Amino acid sequence: MEALDRLADAGVARFAVTAIARDGLLGGPDLALLERLVRAGRGAIVASGGIASIDDLRAVRDLGCAGAIVGSALYEGRIDLAEAVAALA
């Protein structure tokens, strides 16, 4: 939270937040962390780390995240990009 506050005070408006313990493991995002950061209201939060499915994308969207990084899920064929876009439109 301290880093978020300092960066927001310096003018940063969008944050890519990676739950490093989950990054690349496709085990689901750290929803508690993301919720805490979204609720802080200090900028747009882009979720990263652990996202493996369209359901994960819905969950981070429903928390209020501005976006998500899904590199491993795309690479591993767990998420089809066209399907994800259609499902979340």
C-alpha atoms as a PDB file:
ATOM      1  CA  MET A   1       0.000   0.000   0.000  1.00  0.00           C
ATOM      2  CA  GLU A   2       2.867   2.344   0.732  1.00  0.00           C
ATOM      3  CA  ALA A   3       4.254   1.915  -2.784  1.00  0.00           C
ATOM      4  CA  LEU A   4       0.799   2.438  -4.281  1.00  0.00           C
ATOM      5  CA  ASP A   5       0.318   5.629  -2.291  1.00  0.00           C
ATOM      6  CA  ARG A   6       3.737   7.015  -3.165  1.00  0.00           C
ATOM      7  CA  LEU A   7       3.343   6.278  -6.855  1.00  0.00           C
ATOM      8  CA  ALA A   8      -0.195   7.657  -6.958  1.00  0.00           C
ATOM      9  CA  ASP A   9       0.994  10.824  -5.206  1.00  0.00           C
ATOM     10  CA  ALA A  10       3.652  11.143  -7.933  1.00  0.00           C
ATOM     11  CA  GLY A  11       0.960  11.009 -10.621  1.00  0.00           C
ATOM     12  CA  VAL A  12       0.838   7.340 -11.612  1.00  0.00           C
ATOM     13  CA  ALA A  13      -2.749   6.500 -12.548  1.00  0.00           C
ATOM     14  CA  ARG A  14      -2.578   2.840 -13.666  1.00  0.00           C
ATOM     15  CA  PHE A  15      -0.895  -0.042 -11.856  1.00  0.00           C
ATOM     16  CA  ALA A  16      -0.042  -3.512 -13.166  1.00  0.00           C
ATOM     17  CA  VAL A  17      -0.193  -5.602  -9.998  1.00  0.00           C
ATOM     18  CA  THR A  18       1.478  -9.006 -10.113  1.00  0.00           C
ATOM     19  CA  ALA A  19       0.933 -11.523  -7.339  1.00  0.00           C
ATOM     20  CA  ILE A  20       4.442 -12.938  -7.766  1.00  0.00           C
ATOM     21  CA  ALA A  21       3.685 -16.069  -5.756  1.00  0.00           C
ATOM     22  CA  ARG A  22       1.070 -16.943  -8.387  1.00  0.00           C
ATOM     23  CA  ASP A  23       2.758 -15.621 -11.525  1.00  0.00           C
ATOM     24  CA  GLY A  24       2.930 -18.243 -14.270  1.00  0.00           C
ATOM     25  CA  LEU A  25       1.283 -20.948 -12.149  1.00  0.00           C
ATOM     26  CA  LEU A  26      -2.259 -20.561 -13.524  1.00  0.00           C
ATOM     27  CA  GLY A  27      -3.727 -21.140 -10.063  1.00  0.00           C
ATOM     28  CA  GLY A  28      -6.063 -18.150  -9.949  1.00  0.00           C
ATOM     29  CA  PRO A  29      -5.491 -14.493  -9.093  1.00  0.00           C
ATOM     30  CA  ASP A  30      -4.952 -13.120  -5.609  1.00  0.00           C
ATOM     31  CA  LEU A  31      -8.439 -11.672  -5.287  1.00  0.00           C
ATOM     32  CA  ALA A  32      -7.917 -10.412  -1.743  1.00  0.00           C
ATOM     33  CA  LEU A  33      -4.879  -8.364  -2.795  1.00  0.00           C
ATOM     34  CA  LEU A  34      -6.628  -6.990  -5.862  1.00  0.00           C
ATOM     35  CA  GLU A  35      -9.743  -6.076  -3.901  1.00  0.00           C
ATOM     36  CA  ARG A  36      -7.670  -4.215  -1.305  1.00  0.00           C
ATOM     37  CA  LEU A  37      -5.912  -2.197  -4.014  1.00  0.00           C
ATOM     38  CA  VAL A  38      -9.084  -1.424  -5.966  1.00  0.00           C
ATOM     39  CA  ARG A  39     -10.831  -0.275  -2.777  1.00  0.00           C
ATOM     40  CA  ALA A  40      -7.926   2.053  -2.000  1.00  0.00           C
ATOM     41  CA  GLY A  41      -9.102   4.117  -4.974  1.00  0.00           C
ATOM     42  CA  ARG A  42      -5.630   5.323  -5.867  1.00  0.00           C
ATOM     43  CA  GLY A  43      -5.697   4.381  -9.543  1.00  0.00           C
ATOM     44  CA  ALA A  44      -6.719   1.782 -12.091  1.00  0.00           C
ATOM     45  CA  ILE A  45      -5.569  -1.727 -11.177  1.00  0.00           C
ATOM     46  CA  VAL A  46      -4.546  -4.231 -13.853  1.00  0.00           C
ATOM     47  CA  ALA A  47      -4.456  -7.770 -12.453  1.00  0.00           C
ATOM     48  CA  SER A  48      -1.564 -10.091 -13.189  1.00  0.00           C
ATOM     49  CA  GLY A  49      -0.424 -13.411 -11.822  1.00  0.00           C
ATOM     50  CA  GLY A  50      -2.370 -16.649 -11.731  1.00  0.00           C
ATOM     51  CA  ILE A  51      -5.142 -15.817 -14.173  1.00  0.00           C
ATOM     52  CA  ALA A  52      -6.050 -19.056 -15.941  1.00  0.00           C
ATOM     53  CA  SER A  53      -9.650 -18.868 -17.110  1.00  0.00           C
ATOM     54  CA  ILE A  54     -12.478 -16.679 -18.274  1.00  0.00           C
ATOM     55  CA  ASP A  55     -13.984 -17.123 -14.801  1.00  0.00           C
ATOM     56  CA  ASP A  56     -10.808 -15.580 -13.347  1.00  0.00           C
ATOM     57  CA  LEU A  57     -11.205 -12.666 -15.747  1.00  0.00           C
ATOM     58  CA  ARG A  58     -14.813 -12.200 -14.648  1.00  0.00           C
ATOM     59  CA  ALA A  59     -13.731 -12.262 -11.005  1.00  0.00           C
ATOM     60  CA  VAL A  60     -11.116  -9.526 -11.421  1.00  0.00           C
ATOM     61  CA  ARG A  61     -13.529  -7.474 -13.541  1.00  0.00           C
ATOM     62  CA  ASP A  62     -16.212  -7.810 -10.868  1.00  0.00           C
ATOM     63  CA  LEU A  63     -13.746  -6.543  -8.253  1.00  0.00           C
ATOM     64  CA  GLY A  64     -13.295  -3.410 -10.327  1.00  0.00           C
ATOM     65  CA  CYS A  65      -9.949  -4.108 -11.964  1.00  0.00           C
ATOM     66  CA  ALA A  66      -9.335  -2.095 -15.126  1.00  0.00           C
ATOM     67  CA  GLY A  67      -7.810  -5.045 -16.966  1.00  0.00           C
ATOM     68  CA  ALA A  68      -5.822  -8.232 -16.686  1.00  0.00           C
ATOM     69  CA  ILE A  69      -2.616  -9.721 -18.034  1.00  0.00           C
ATOM     70  CA  VAL A  70      -3.133 -13.269 -19.277  1.00  0.00           C
ATOM     71  CA  GLY A  71       0.165 -14.180 -20.935  1.00  0.00           C
ATOM     72  CA  SER A  72       0.662 -17.661 -19.495  1.00  0.00           C
ATOM     73  CA  ALA A  73      -2.994 -18.584 -19.945  1.00  0.00           C
ATOM     74  CA  LEU A  74      -2.830 -17.609 -23.625  1.00  0.00           C
ATOM     75  CA  TYR A  75       0.491 -19.360 -24.148  1.00  0.00           C
ATOM     76  CA  GLU A  76      -0.764 -22.562 -22.501  1.00  0.00           C
ATOM     77  CA  GLY A  77      -4.055 -22.496 -24.425  1.00  0.00           C
ATOM     78  CA  ARG A  78      -6.167 -22.089 -21.286  1.00  0.00           C
ATOM     79  CA  ILE A  79      -7.835 -18.911 -22.556  1.00  0.00           C
ATOM     80  CA  ASP A  80      -8.959 -18.224 -26.103  1.00  0.00           C
ATOM     81  CA  LEU A  81      -8.629 -14.484 -26.640  1.00  0.00           C
ATOM     82  CA  ALA A  82     -11.687 -14.125 -28.893  1.00  0.00           C
ATOM     83  CA  GLU A  83     -13.810 -16.127 -26.435  1.00  0.00           C
ATOM     84  CA  ALA A  84     -12.603 -14.027 -23.518  1.00  0.00           C
ATOM     85  CA  VAL A  85     -13.366 -10.763 -25.274  1.00  0.00           C
ATOM     86  CA  ALA A  86     -16.844 -11.983 -26.235  1.00  0.00           C
ATOM     87  CA  ALA A  87     -17.558 -13.321 -22.741  1.00  0.00           C
ATOM     88  CA  LEU A  88     -16.578 -10.076 -21.051  1.00  0.00           C
ATOM     89  CA  ALA A  89     -18.100  -7.621 -23.542  1.00  0.00           C
END
